[in-house]
C-alpha atoms as a PDB file:
ATOM      1  CA  MET A   1      19.497 -11.104 -26.915  1.00  0.00           C
ATOM      2  CA  ALA A   2      19.646  -7.318 -27.211  1.00  0.00           C
ATOM      3  CA  LEU A   3      16.534  -5.307 -26.527  1.00  0.00           C
ATOM      4  CA  ASP A   4      14.146  -5.483 -29.474  1.00  0.00           C
ATOM      5  CA  PRO A   5      14.521  -2.274 -31.551  1.00  0.00           C
ATOM      6  CA  GLN A   6      10.807  -1.508 -31.347  1.00  0.00           C
ATOM      7  CA  ALA A   7      10.858  -1.939 -27.573  1.00  0.00           C
ATOM      8  CA  ALA A   8      14.005   0.195 -27.360  1.00  0.00           C
ATOM      9  CA  ALA A   9      12.317   2.970 -29.355  1.00  0.00           C
ATOM     10  CA  LEU A  10       9.299   2.947 -27.046  1.00  0.00           C
ATOM     11  CA  LEU A  11      11.484   3.073 -23.947  1.00  0.00           C
ATOM     12  CA  ALA A  12      13.536   5.910 -25.433  1.00  0.00           C
ATOM     13  CA  SER A  13      10.352   7.919 -26.011  1.00  0.00           C
ATOM     14  CA  LEU A  14       9.480   7.547 -22.334  1.00  0.00           C
ATOM     15  CA  ALA A  15      12.953   8.202 -20.960  1.00  0.00           C
ATOM     16  CA  GLY A  16      12.323  11.862 -20.145  1.00  0.00           C
ATOM     17  CA  ALA A  17       9.204  11.267 -18.067  1.00  0.00           C
ATOM     18  CA  PRO A  18       9.547  12.167 -14.373  1.00  0.00           C
ATOM     19  CA  ALA A  19       9.884   9.239 -11.983  1.00  0.00           C
ATOM     20  CA  PRO A  20       6.738   8.608  -9.941  1.00  0.00           C
ATOM     21  CA  ASP A  21       6.794   9.209  -6.201  1.00  0.00           C
ATOM     22  CA  TYR A  22       5.338   5.901  -5.072  1.00  0.00           C
ATOM     23  CA  ALA A  23       5.146   7.072  -1.464  1.00  0.00           C
ATOM     24  CA  ARG A  24       2.562   9.665  -2.526  1.00  0.00           C
ATOM     25  CA  LEU A  25       0.930   8.047  -5.557  1.00  0.00           C
ATOM     26  CA  ASP A  26      -2.703   7.002  -5.130  1.00  0.00           C
ATOM     27  CA  ALA A  27      -4.746   4.655  -7.286  1.00  0.00           C
ATOM     28  CA  ALA A  28      -7.060   7.334  -8.677  1.00  0.00           C
ATOM     29  CA  SER A  29      -4.094   9.390  -9.885  1.00  0.00           C
ATOM     30  CA  TYR A  30      -2.446   6.341 -11.416  1.00  0.00           C
ATOM     31  CA  ARG A  31      -5.607   5.419 -13.316  1.00  0.00           C
ATOM     32  CA  ALA A  32      -6.040   8.991 -14.501  1.00  0.00           C
ATOM     33  CA  ALA A  33      -2.459   9.080 -15.743  1.00  0.00           C
ATOM     34  CA  LEU A  34      -2.983   5.872 -17.703  1.00  0.00           C
ATOM     35  CA  ALA A  35      -6.152   7.236 -19.270  1.00  0.00           C
ATOM     36  CA  ALA A  36      -4.497  10.546 -20.136  1.00  0.00           C
ATOM     37  CA  GLY A  37      -1.574   8.742 -21.720  1.00  0.00           C
ATOM     38  CA  GLY A  38      -3.928   7.000 -24.123  1.00  0.00           C
ATOM     39  CA  ALA A  39      -1.667   3.954 -24.430  1.00  0.00           C
ATOM     40  CA  ALA A  40      -4.459   1.521 -25.236  1.00  0.00           C
ATOM     41  CA  SER A  41      -5.831   3.730 -28.011  1.00  0.00           C
ATOM     42  CA  ALA A  42      -2.379   3.924 -29.590  1.00  0.00           C
ATOM     43  CA  PHE A  43      -2.284   0.184 -30.230  1.00  0.00           C
ATOM     44  CA  GLY A  44      -4.043  -1.818 -32.906  1.00  0.00           C
ATOM     45  CA  ALA A  45      -7.640  -2.853 -32.273  1.00  0.00           C
ATOM     46  CA  GLY A  46      -6.904  -6.524 -32.857  1.00  0.00           C
ATOM     47  CA  ASP A  47      -8.445  -8.948 -35.305  1.00  0.00           C
ATOM     48  CA  ALA A  48     -12.013  -8.625 -36.513  1.00  0.00           C
ATOM     49  CA  VAL A  49     -14.670 -10.635 -34.685  1.00  0.00           C
ATOM     50  CA  ALA A  50     -18.269 -11.361 -35.571  1.00  0.00           C
ATOM     51  CA  ALA A  51     -19.826  -9.884 -32.438  1.00  0.00           C
ATOM     52  CA  GLU A  52     -19.126  -8.383 -29.043  1.00  0.00           C
ATOM     53  CA  GLU A  53     -21.751  -8.603 -26.297  1.00  0.00           C
ATOM     54  CA  ASP A  54     -21.608  -6.911 -22.911  1.00  0.00           C
ATOM     55  CA  LEU A  55     -22.849  -9.036 -20.023  1.00  0.00           C
ATOM     56  CA  ALA A  56     -23.206  -8.891 -16.258  1.00  0.00           C
ATOM     57  CA  LEU A  57     -22.185 -11.975 -14.288  1.00  0.00           C
ATOM     58  CA  PRO A  58     -23.078 -12.679 -10.670  1.00  0.00           C
ATOM     59  CA  GLY A  59     -20.121 -12.073  -8.382  1.00  0.00           C
ATOM     60  CA  PRO A  60     -19.583 -12.524  -4.657  1.00  0.00           C
ATOM     61  CA  ALA A  61     -20.108  -8.804  -3.987  1.00  0.00           C
ATOM     62  CA  GLY A  62     -22.364  -7.810  -6.875  1.00  0.00           C
ATOM     63  CA  ALA A  63     -22.460  -7.972 -10.649  1.00  0.00           C
ATOM     64  CA  LEU A  64     -19.231  -8.334 -12.639  1.00  0.00           C
ATOM     65  CA  ALA A  65     -19.032  -6.630 -16.014  1.00  0.00           C
ATOM     66  CA  ALA A  66     -17.990  -8.937 -18.835  1.00  0.00           C
ATOM     67  CA  ARG A  67     -17.764  -8.937 -22.602  1.00  0.00           C
ATOM     68  CA  LEU A  68     -18.190 -11.934 -24.888  1.00  0.00           C
ATOM     69  CA  TYR A  69     -16.204 -11.948 -28.145  1.00  0.00           C
ATOM     70  CA  ARG A  70     -17.467 -14.246 -30.878  1.00  0.00           C
ATOM     71  CA  PRO A  71     -15.119 -15.084 -33.770  1.00  0.00           C
ATOM     72  CA  VAL A  72     -16.122 -14.857 -37.400  1.00  0.00           C
ATOM     73  CA  ALA A  73     -17.535 -18.118 -38.749  1.00  0.00           C
ATOM     74  CA  GLY A  74     -15.131 -20.541 -40.382  1.00  0.00           C
ATOM     75  CA  LEU A  75     -14.713 -20.979 -44.114  1.00  0.00           C
ATOM     76  CA  ASP A  76     -17.562 -23.473 -44.171  1.00  0.00           C
ATOM     77  CA  GLY A  77     -19.895 -20.951 -42.524  1.00  0.00           C
ATOM     78  CA  GLY A  78     -20.969 -23.591 -40.039  1.00  0.00           C
ATOM     79  CA  ASP A  79     -22.532 -22.903 -36.673  1.00  0.00           C
ATOM     80  CA  GLU A  80     -20.485 -25.445 -34.753  1.00  0.00           C
ATOM     81  CA  ALA A  81     -20.322 -24.880 -31.018  1.00  0.00           C
ATOM     82  CA  LEU A  82     -17.104 -23.170 -30.093  1.00  0.00           C
ATOM     83  CA  ALA A  83     -14.814 -23.562 -27.133  1.00  0.00           C
ATOM     84  CA  LEU A  84     -14.814 -20.886 -24.428  1.00  0.00           C
ATOM     85  CA  THR A  85     -11.869 -18.996 -22.928  1.00  0.00           C
ATOM     86  CA  VAL A  86     -12.278 -16.848 -19.825  1.00  0.00           C
ATOM     87  CA  PHE A  87      -9.839 -13.928 -19.907  1.00  0.00           C
ATOM     88  CA  PHE A  88      -8.639 -11.690 -17.055  1.00  0.00           C
ATOM     89  CA  HIS A  89      -6.938  -8.369 -17.780  1.00  0.00           C
ATOM     90  CA  GLY A  90      -3.724  -7.085 -16.276  1.00  0.00           C
ATOM     91  CA  GLY A  91      -3.144  -3.785 -14.536  1.00  0.00           C
ATOM     92  CA  GLY A  92      -1.481  -4.667 -11.254  1.00  0.00           C
ATOM     93  CA  PHE A  93      -4.841  -5.500  -9.614  1.00  0.00           C
ATOM     94  CA  VAL A  94      -5.326  -1.700  -9.541  1.00  0.00           C
ATOM     95  CA  ALA A  95      -6.120  -0.469 -13.058  1.00  0.00           C
ATOM     96  CA  CYS A  96      -7.313  -1.346 -16.575  1.00  0.00           C
ATOM     97  CA  GLY A  97     -10.413  -3.234 -17.595  1.00  0.00           C
ATOM     98  CA  ILE A  98     -12.332  -4.791 -20.444  1.00  0.00           C
ATOM     99  CA  ASP A  99     -11.755  -1.910 -22.861  1.00  0.00           C
ATOM    100  CA  THR A 100      -7.985  -1.677 -22.361  1.00  0.00           C
ATOM    101  CA  HIS A 101      -7.561  -5.349 -23.224  1.00  0.00           C
ATOM    102  CA  ALA A 102     -10.107  -5.658 -26.008  1.00  0.00           C
ATOM    103  CA  ASN A 103      -7.426  -6.004 -28.687  1.00  0.00           C
ATOM    104  CA  LEU A 104      -5.924  -9.034 -26.946  1.00  0.00           C
ATOM    105  CA  CYS A 105      -9.329 -10.668 -26.602  1.00  0.00           C
ATOM    106  CA  ARG A 106     -10.386 -10.039 -30.200  1.00  0.00           C
ATOM    107  CA  THR A 107      -7.132 -11.453 -31.490  1.00  0.00           C
ATOM    108  CA  LEU A 108      -7.261 -14.568 -29.320  1.00  0.00           C
ATOM    109  CA  ALA A 109     -10.899 -15.150 -30.264  1.00  0.00           C
ATOM    110  CA  ALA A 110     -10.180 -14.865 -33.974  1.00  0.00           C
ATOM    111  CA  ARG A 111      -6.950 -16.845 -34.092  1.00  0.00           C
ATOM    112  CA  ALA A 112      -7.866 -19.599 -31.621  1.00  0.00           C
ATOM    113  CA  ARG A 113     -11.477 -19.788 -32.878  1.00  0.00           C
ATOM    114  CA  THR A 114     -12.787 -19.612 -29.355  1.00  0.00           C
ATOM    115  CA  LEU A 115     -15.394 -17.517 -27.660  1.00  0.00           C
ATOM    116  CA  VAL A 116     -13.577 -15.206 -25.261  1.00  0.00           C
ATOM    117  CA  LEU A 117     -15.323 -14.012 -22.131  1.00  0.00           C
ATOM    118  CA  SER A 118     -13.377 -11.045 -20.755  1.00  0.00           C
ATOM    119  CA  VAL A 119     -14.260 -10.412 -17.124  1.00  0.00           C
ATOM    120  CA  ASP A 120     -13.801  -7.329 -14.978  1.00  0.00           C
ATOM    121  CA  TYR A 121     -13.019  -7.904 -11.316  1.00  0.00           C
ATOM    122  CA  ARG A 122     -12.944  -5.627  -8.307  1.00  0.00           C
ATOM    123  CA  LEU A 123      -9.848  -3.441  -8.194  1.00  0.00           C
ATOM    124  CA  ALA A 124      -7.617  -2.492  -5.290  1.00  0.00           C
ATOM    125  CA  PRO A 125      -7.301  -0.602  -3.053  1.00  0.00           C
ATOM    126  CA  GLU A 126     -11.082  -0.156  -2.945  1.00  0.00           C
ATOM    127  CA  ALA A 127     -11.398  -3.955  -2.864  1.00  0.00           C
ATOM    128  CA  ARG A 128      -8.270  -5.579  -1.541  1.00  0.00           C
ATOM    129  CA  PHE A 129      -7.088  -9.195  -1.700  1.00  0.00           C
ATOM    130  CA  PRO A 130      -8.715 -11.690  -2.000  1.00  0.00           C
ATOM    131  CA  ALA A 131     -11.560  -9.815  -3.745  1.00  0.00           C
ATOM    132  CA  ALA A 132     -10.108 -10.136  -7.262  1.00  0.00           C
ATOM    133  CA  ALA A 133      -9.378 -13.845  -6.777  1.00  0.00           C
ATOM    134  CA  HIS A 134     -12.883 -14.512  -5.482  1.00  0.00           C
ATOM    135  CA  ASP A 135     -14.394 -12.641  -8.437  1.00  0.00           C
ATOM    136  CA  ALA A 136     -12.289 -14.641 -10.888  1.00  0.00           C
ATOM    137  CA  LEU A 137     -13.289 -17.946  -9.334  1.00  0.00           C
ATOM    138  CA  ALA A 138     -16.956 -16.963  -9.463  1.00  0.00           C
ATOM    139  CA  ALA A 139     -16.630 -15.967 -13.121  1.00  0.00           C
ATOM    140  CA  VAL A 140     -15.068 -19.275 -14.186  1.00  0.00           C
ATOM    141  CA  ARG A 141     -17.657 -21.249 -12.232  1.00  0.00           C
ATOM    142  CA  TRP A 142     -20.407 -19.247 -13.931  1.00  0.00           C
ATOM    143  CA  ALA A 143     -18.861 -19.679 -17.359  1.00  0.00           C
ATOM    144  CA  ALA A 144     -18.589 -23.427 -16.902  1.00  0.00           C
ATOM    145  CA  ALA A 145     -22.215 -23.677 -15.779  1.00  0.00           C
ATOM    146  CA  HIS A 146     -23.516 -21.436 -18.576  1.00  0.00           C
ATOM    147  CA  ALA A 147     -21.320 -22.508 -21.489  1.00  0.00           C
ATOM    148  CA  VAL A 148     -24.220 -23.867 -23.520  1.00  0.00           C
ATOM    149  CA  GLN A 149     -26.227 -20.695 -22.886  1.00  0.00           C
ATOM    150  CA  LEU A 150     -23.305 -18.704 -24.294  1.00  0.00           C
ATOM    151  CA  GLY A 151     -23.192 -20.913 -27.383  1.00  0.00           C
ATOM    152  CA  ALA A 152     -20.076 -22.784 -26.258  1.00  0.00           C
ATOM    153  CA  ARG A 153     -19.215 -26.418 -25.837  1.00  0.00           C
ATOM    154  CA  PRO A 154     -19.510 -27.438 -22.184  1.00  0.00           C
ATOM    155  CA  ASP A 155     -16.425 -29.655 -22.439  1.00  0.00           C
ATOM    156  CA  ALA A 156     -13.907 -27.115 -23.759  1.00  0.00           C
ATOM    157  CA  LEU A 157     -12.994 -24.345 -21.351  1.00  0.00           C
ATOM    158  CA  ALA A 158      -9.717 -22.464 -20.951  1.00  0.00           C
ATOM    159  CA  VAL A 159      -8.517 -19.602 -18.784  1.00  0.00           C
ATOM    160  CA  ALA A 160      -6.143 -16.865 -19.864  1.00  0.00           C
ATOM    161  CA  GLY A 161      -4.737 -13.581 -18.660  1.00  0.00           C
ATOM    162  CA  ASP A 162      -1.830 -11.188 -18.770  1.00  0.00           C
ATOM    163  CA  SER A 163       0.216  -9.910 -15.819  1.00  0.00           C
ATOM    164  CA  ALA A 164      -2.165  -9.615 -12.827  1.00  0.00           C
ATOM    165  CA  GLY A 165      -4.782 -11.334 -14.970  1.00  0.00           C
ATOM    166  CA  GLY A 166      -2.337 -14.186 -15.461  1.00  0.00           C
ATOM    167  CA  ASN A 167      -2.215 -14.505 -11.683  1.00  0.00           C
ATOM    168  CA  LEU A 168      -6.014 -14.815 -11.570  1.00  0.00           C
ATOM    169  CA  ALA A 169      -6.085 -17.343 -14.415  1.00  0.00           C
ATOM    170  CA  ALA A 170      -3.471 -19.478 -12.627  1.00  0.00           C
ATOM    171  CA  VAL A 171      -5.386 -19.193  -9.348  1.00  0.00           C
ATOM    172  CA  CYS A 172      -8.530 -20.437 -11.096  1.00  0.00           C
ATOM    173  CA  ALA A 173      -6.711 -23.349 -12.740  1.00  0.00           C
ATOM    174  CA  GLN A 174      -5.390 -24.429  -9.339  1.00  0.00           C
ATOM    175  CA  GLN A 175      -8.375 -23.799  -7.114  1.00  0.00           C
ATOM    176  CA  LEU A 176     -10.986 -25.250  -9.471  1.00  0.00           C
ATOM    177  CA  ARG A 177      -9.020 -28.297 -10.621  1.00  0.00           C
ATOM    178  CA  ASN A 178     -11.381 -30.711  -8.816  1.00  0.00           C
ATOM    179  CA  GLU A 179     -14.521 -28.753  -9.658  1.00  0.00           C
ATOM    180  CA  VAL A 180     -14.312 -27.480 -13.232  1.00  0.00           C
ATOM    181  CA  THR A 181     -12.594 -29.157 -16.168  1.00  0.00           C
ATOM    182  CA  ILE A 182     -10.149 -26.613 -17.554  1.00  0.00           C
ATOM    183  CA  ALA A 183      -8.396 -27.682 -20.724  1.00  0.00           C
ATOM    184  CA  HIS A 184      -5.635 -25.082 -20.754  1.00  0.00           C
ATOM    185  CA  GLN A 185      -4.236 -21.961 -19.144  1.00  0.00           C
ATOM    186  CA  LEU A 186      -2.553 -19.269 -21.227  1.00  0.00           C
ATOM    187  CA  LEU A 187      -0.447 -16.966 -19.069  1.00  0.00           C
ATOM    188  CA  LEU A 188       1.206 -13.872 -20.541  1.00  0.00           C
ATOM    189  CA  TYR A 189       4.066 -12.570 -18.340  1.00  0.00           C
ATOM    190  CA  PRO A 190       2.044 -13.408 -15.216  1.00  0.00           C
ATOM    191  CA  VAL A 191       2.397 -12.281 -11.606  1.00  0.00           C
ATOM    192  CA  LEU A 192       2.844 -15.577  -9.772  1.00  0.00           C
ATOM    193  CA  ASP A 193       4.687 -14.759  -6.562  1.00  0.00           C
ATOM    194  CA  CYS A 194       3.450 -11.871  -4.435  1.00  0.00           C
ATOM    195  CA  ALA A 195       5.543 -12.910  -1.432  1.00  0.00           C
ATOM    196  CA  HIS A 196       9.057 -12.791  -2.893  1.00  0.00           C
ATOM    197  CA  GLU A 197      11.160 -10.850  -5.360  1.00  0.00           C
ATOM    198  CA  HIS A 198      13.125 -12.988  -7.800  1.00  0.00           C
ATOM    199  CA  PRO A 199      16.489 -12.057  -9.368  1.00  0.00           C
ATOM    200  CA  SER A 200      14.837 -10.525 -12.439  1.00  0.00           C
ATOM    201  CA  TYR A 201      13.520  -7.763 -10.164  1.00  0.00           C
ATOM    202  CA  GLU A 202      17.118  -6.686  -9.724  1.00  0.00           C
ATOM    203  CA  SER A 203      18.177  -7.274 -13.325  1.00  0.00           C
ATOM    204  CA  PHE A 204      15.224  -5.575 -15.026  1.00  0.00           C
ATOM    205  CA  GLY A 205      13.649  -3.544 -12.238  1.00  0.00           C
ATOM    206  CA  GLN A 206      14.480  -0.170 -13.778  1.00  0.00           C
ATOM    207  CA  SER A 207      14.176   1.353 -17.248  1.00  0.00           C
ATOM    208  CA  TYR A 208      12.112  -1.468 -18.816  1.00  0.00           C
ATOM    209  CA  LEU A 209       8.575  -0.008 -18.568  1.00  0.00           C
ATOM    210  CA  LEU A 210       7.432  -2.073 -15.568  1.00  0.00           C
ATOM    211  CA  ASP A 211       9.805  -1.246 -12.759  1.00  0.00           C
ATOM    212  CA  ALA A 212      10.286  -2.916  -9.397  1.00  0.00           C
ATOM    213  CA  GLY A 213       9.034   0.130  -7.536  1.00  0.00           C
ATOM    214  CA  LEU A 214       5.732   0.029  -9.397  1.00  0.00           C
ATOM    215  CA  MET A 215       5.323  -3.684  -8.664  1.00  0.00           C
ATOM    216  CA  ARG A 216       5.880  -3.012  -4.960  1.00  0.00           C
ATOM    217  CA  TRP A 217       3.308  -0.217  -5.121  1.00  0.00           C
ATOM    218  CA  PHE A 218       0.788  -2.503  -6.828  1.00  0.00           C
ATOM    219  CA  LYS A 219       1.215  -5.078  -4.080  1.00  0.00           C
ATOM    220  CA  HIS A 220       0.853  -2.405  -1.400  1.00  0.00           C
ATOM    221  CA  GLN A 221      -2.472  -1.444  -2.976  1.00  0.00           C
ATOM    222  CA  TYR A 222      -3.673  -5.033  -3.334  1.00  0.00           C
ATOM    223  CA  PHE A 223      -2.780  -6.387   0.100  1.00  0.00           C
ATOM    224  CA  ASP A 224      -3.627  -5.286   3.595  1.00  0.00           C
ATOM    225  CA  ALA A 225      -0.638  -5.149   5.909  1.00  0.00           C
ATOM    226  CA  ASP A 226      -1.589  -8.443   7.575  1.00  0.00           C
ATOM    227  CA  ALA A 227      -2.498 -10.344   4.374  1.00  0.00           C
ATOM    228  CA  ASP A 228      -0.826 -13.675   3.653  1.00  0.00           C
ATOM    229  CA  ARG A 229       0.922 -12.889   0.393  1.00  0.00           C
ATOM    230  CA  ALA A 230       2.307 -16.426   0.159  1.00  0.00           C
ATOM    231  CA  CYS A 231      -1.058 -18.221   0.187  1.00  0.00           C
ATOM    232  CA  PRO A 232      -2.171 -19.916  -3.048  1.00  0.00           C
ATOM    233  CA  LEU A 233      -4.882 -17.326  -3.770  1.00  0.00           C
ATOM    234  CA  ALA A 234      -2.132 -14.699  -3.915  1.00  0.00           C
ATOM    235  CA  SER A 235       0.948 -16.604  -5.092  1.00  0.00           C
ATOM    236  CA  PRO A 236       0.234 -19.566  -7.371  1.00  0.00           C
ATOM    237  CA  LEU A 237       3.959 -20.297  -7.570  1.00  0.00           C
ATOM    238  CA  GLY A 238       3.980 -21.259  -3.894  1.00  0.00           C
ATOM    239  CA  THR A 239       1.156 -23.787  -4.059  1.00  0.00           C
ATOM    240  CA  GLU A 240       2.349 -26.987  -2.425  1.00  0.00           C
ATOM    241  CA  SER A 241       0.884 -29.422  -4.960  1.00  0.00           C
ATOM    242  CA  LEU A 242       0.346 -28.785  -8.655  1.00  0.00           C
ATOM    243  CA  ASP A 243      -0.972 -32.248  -9.468  1.00  0.00           C
ATOM    244  CA  GLN A 244      -3.847 -32.286 -11.961  1.00  0.00           C
ATOM    245  CA  VAL A 245      -3.586 -28.568 -12.766  1.00  0.00           C
ATOM    246  CA  ALA A 246      -4.498 -27.734 -16.365  1.00  0.00           C
ATOM    247  CA  PRO A 247      -1.712 -27.766 -18.962  1.00  0.00           C
ATOM    248  CA  ALA A 248      -0.185 -24.358 -19.519  1.00  0.00           C
ATOM    249  CA  THR A 249       1.372 -22.129 -22.116  1.00  0.00           C
ATOM    250  CA  ILE A 250       3.456 -19.441 -20.430  1.00  0.00           C
ATOM    251  CA  ILE A 251       4.990 -16.529 -22.297  1.00  0.00           C
ATOM    252  CA  SER A 252       7.617 -14.525 -20.427  1.00  0.00           C
ATOM    253  CA  ALA A 253       9.467 -11.430 -21.619  1.00  0.00           C
ATOM    254  CA  GLU A 254      13.260 -11.340 -21.541  1.00  0.00           C
ATOM    255  CA  TYR A 255      13.495  -7.830 -20.017  1.00  0.00           C
ATOM    256  CA  ASP A 256      10.725  -8.146 -17.435  1.00  0.00           C
ATOM    257  CA  PRO A 257      11.053  -8.092 -13.631  1.00  0.00           C
ATOM    258  CA  LEU A 258       8.385 -10.815 -13.555  1.00  0.00           C
ATOM    259  CA  ARG A 259      10.345 -13.097 -15.875  1.00  0.00           C
ATOM    260  CA  ASP A 260      11.832 -15.414 -13.272  1.00  0.00           C
ATOM    261  CA  GLU A 261       8.614 -16.203 -11.418  1.00  0.00           C
ATOM    262  CA  ALA A 262       6.868 -17.074 -14.682  1.00  0.00           C
ATOM    263  CA  GLU A 263       9.690 -19.383 -15.690  1.00  0.00           C
ATOM    264  CA  ARG A 264       9.928 -21.016 -12.274  1.00  0.00           C
ATOM    265  CA  TYR A 265       6.219 -21.725 -12.413  1.00  0.00           C
ATOM    266  CA  ALA A 266       6.621 -23.472 -15.750  1.00  0.00           C
ATOM    267  CA  ALA A 267       9.404 -25.574 -14.227  1.00  0.00           C
ATOM    268  CA  ARG A 268       7.287 -26.454 -11.199  1.00  0.00           C
ATOM    269  CA  LEU A 269       4.379 -27.507 -13.401  1.00  0.00           C
ATOM    270  CA  ALA A 270       6.676 -29.744 -15.435  1.00  0.00           C
ATOM    271  CA  GLN A 271       8.080 -31.284 -12.248  1.00  0.00           C
ATOM    272  CA  ALA A 272       4.509 -32.104 -11.213  1.00  0.00           C
ATOM    273  CA  GLY A 273       3.897 -33.887 -14.498  1.00  0.00           C
ATOM    274  CA  VAL A 274       1.788 -31.084 -15.965  1.00  0.00           C
ATOM    275  CA  ALA A 275       2.381 -30.301 -19.631  1.00  0.00           C
ATOM    276  CA  ALA A 276       3.835 -26.792 -19.658  1.00  0.00           C
ATOM    277  CA  THR A 277       5.206 -24.898 -22.642  1.00  0.00           C
ATOM    278  CA  LEU A 278       7.376 -21.923 -21.786  1.00  0.00           C
ATOM    279  CA  VAL A 279       8.589 -19.349 -24.283  1.00  0.00           C
ATOM    280  CA  ARG A 280      10.817 -16.475 -23.197  1.00  0.00           C
ATOM    281  CA  TRP A 281      10.093 -13.855 -25.846  1.00  0.00           C
ATOM    282  CA  PRO A 282      13.505 -12.499 -26.845  1.00  0.00           C
ATOM    283  CA  GLY A 283      14.271  -8.830 -26.483  1.00  0.00           C
ATOM    284  CA  GLN A 284      10.868  -7.972 -25.102  1.00  0.00           C
ATOM    285  CA  ILE A 285       9.441  -6.037 -22.152  1.00  0.00           C
ATOM    286  CA  HIS A 286       6.459  -6.503 -19.880  1.00  0.00           C
ATOM    287  CA  GLY A 287       3.122  -5.866 -21.572  1.00  0.00           C
ATOM    288  CA  PHE A 288       4.412  -6.284 -25.110  1.00  0.00           C
ATOM    289  CA  ALA A 289       1.563  -8.516 -26.315  1.00  0.00           C
ATOM    290  CA  SER A 290      -0.902  -5.632 -25.966  1.00  0.00           C
ATOM    291  CA  MET A 291       1.143  -3.467 -28.308  1.00  0.00           C
ATOM    292  CA  LEU A 292      -0.404  -4.637 -31.564  1.00  0.00           C
ATOM    293  CA  GLY A 293       0.456  -2.380 -34.453  1.00  0.00           C
ATOM    294  CA  VAL A 294       3.525  -1.083 -32.607  1.00  0.00           C
ATOM    295  CA  PHE A 295       5.507  -4.237 -31.812  1.00  0.00           C
ATOM    296  CA  ASP A 296       5.800  -7.036 -34.368  1.00  0.00           C
ATOM    297  CA  ALA A 297       6.368  -9.359 -31.413  1.00  0.00           C
ATOM    298  CA  ALA A 298       2.840  -8.701 -30.153  1.00  0.00           C
ATOM    299  CA  ASP A 299       1.343 -10.191 -33.299  1.00  0.00           C
ATOM    300  CA  ALA A 300       3.698 -13.181 -33.177  1.00  0.00           C
ATOM    301  CA  ALA A 301       3.162 -13.893 -29.478  1.00  0.00           C
ATOM    302  CA  LEU A 302      -0.620 -13.766 -29.760  1.00  0.00           C
ATOM    303  CA  SER A 303      -0.522 -16.094 -32.751  1.00  0.00           C
ATOM    304  CA  PHE A 304       1.601 -18.491 -30.708  1.00  0.00           C
ATOM    305  CA  GLY A 305      -0.729 -18.312 -27.713  1.00  0.00           C
ATOM    306  CA  ALA A 306      -3.828 -18.666 -29.865  1.00  0.00           C
ATOM    307  CA  HIS A 307      -2.392 -21.744 -31.568  1.00  0.00           C
ATOM    308  CA  ALA A 308      -1.780 -23.315 -28.161  1.00  0.00           C
ATOM    309  CA  LEU A 309      -5.345 -22.557 -27.073  1.00  0.00           C
ATOM    310  CA  HIS A 310      -6.796 -23.976 -30.273  1.00  0.00           C
ATOM    311  CA  ALA A 311      -4.752 -27.154 -30.034  1.00  0.00           C
ATOM    312  CA  ALA A 312      -5.849 -27.721 -26.422  1.00  0.00           C
ATOM    313  CA  LEU A 313      -9.521 -26.890 -26.942  1.00  0.00           C
ATOM    314  CA  TYR A 314     -10.174 -28.763 -30.199  1.00  0.00           C
ATOM    315  CA  ARG A 315      -8.521 -32.097 -29.571  1.00  0.00           C
END
């Protein structure tokens, strides 16, 4: 399909920006540029929720900031215990945080009728691999152990994330499969292979918002030179066995350099007998689900993902 007109308009507005010099770019400058651009503030705030509560969770190297989103009560006004979804934000393992992804979390909470626990993790290069993965694992373990304390059902837990956060959600679903019961994983255009570049890097690696050079830079920030980028904590796609991993809903974007690894992961899950729903969102670019109020596809994709979460968590 042709590029979505709303995506094309956004890309056209950015076409005159100077190309970054990745050989000289540092993480602090990248974060400052994102903040100055104000992208997150330009998008819709997401659906209304009943409450948002900031928390601090114990992590392997200190407290992890988190925010709990509680959906508005149902039509019956009941106080039924809700399911719980642990969400990890994208940003290439280098940038972003709870605030930049609040609209995604509010919308998923409201439309899936689930508590959403959005968790910050240590960012690279200050904390390189596997720091983010270890933080994510600790957060899901904590959430599972404290579900009742949070007002959630102890038997209905999901993980979710976009981009780099999708990587962390997939890592948790794999690594905790024999420890924590995870009902579902919702992965939005996830990073799943840090060891290889798939053909979509070549096809969509320039001029589609997320470019191949930026992905290489992210990985250079995240990994030390001697890190094993192919190990399961880094590259969920390369995990030898996917038996008993939680069912998945995976949303890829047609014009995304990460498209192929997301779709290959869905195929591998299906081959392992894991229920996996894959939707390639037509005409769309990486990060589109965050663009509420700007892209109609963001609203539609989050409704689709929320429906999948609800169906898995309220069987």
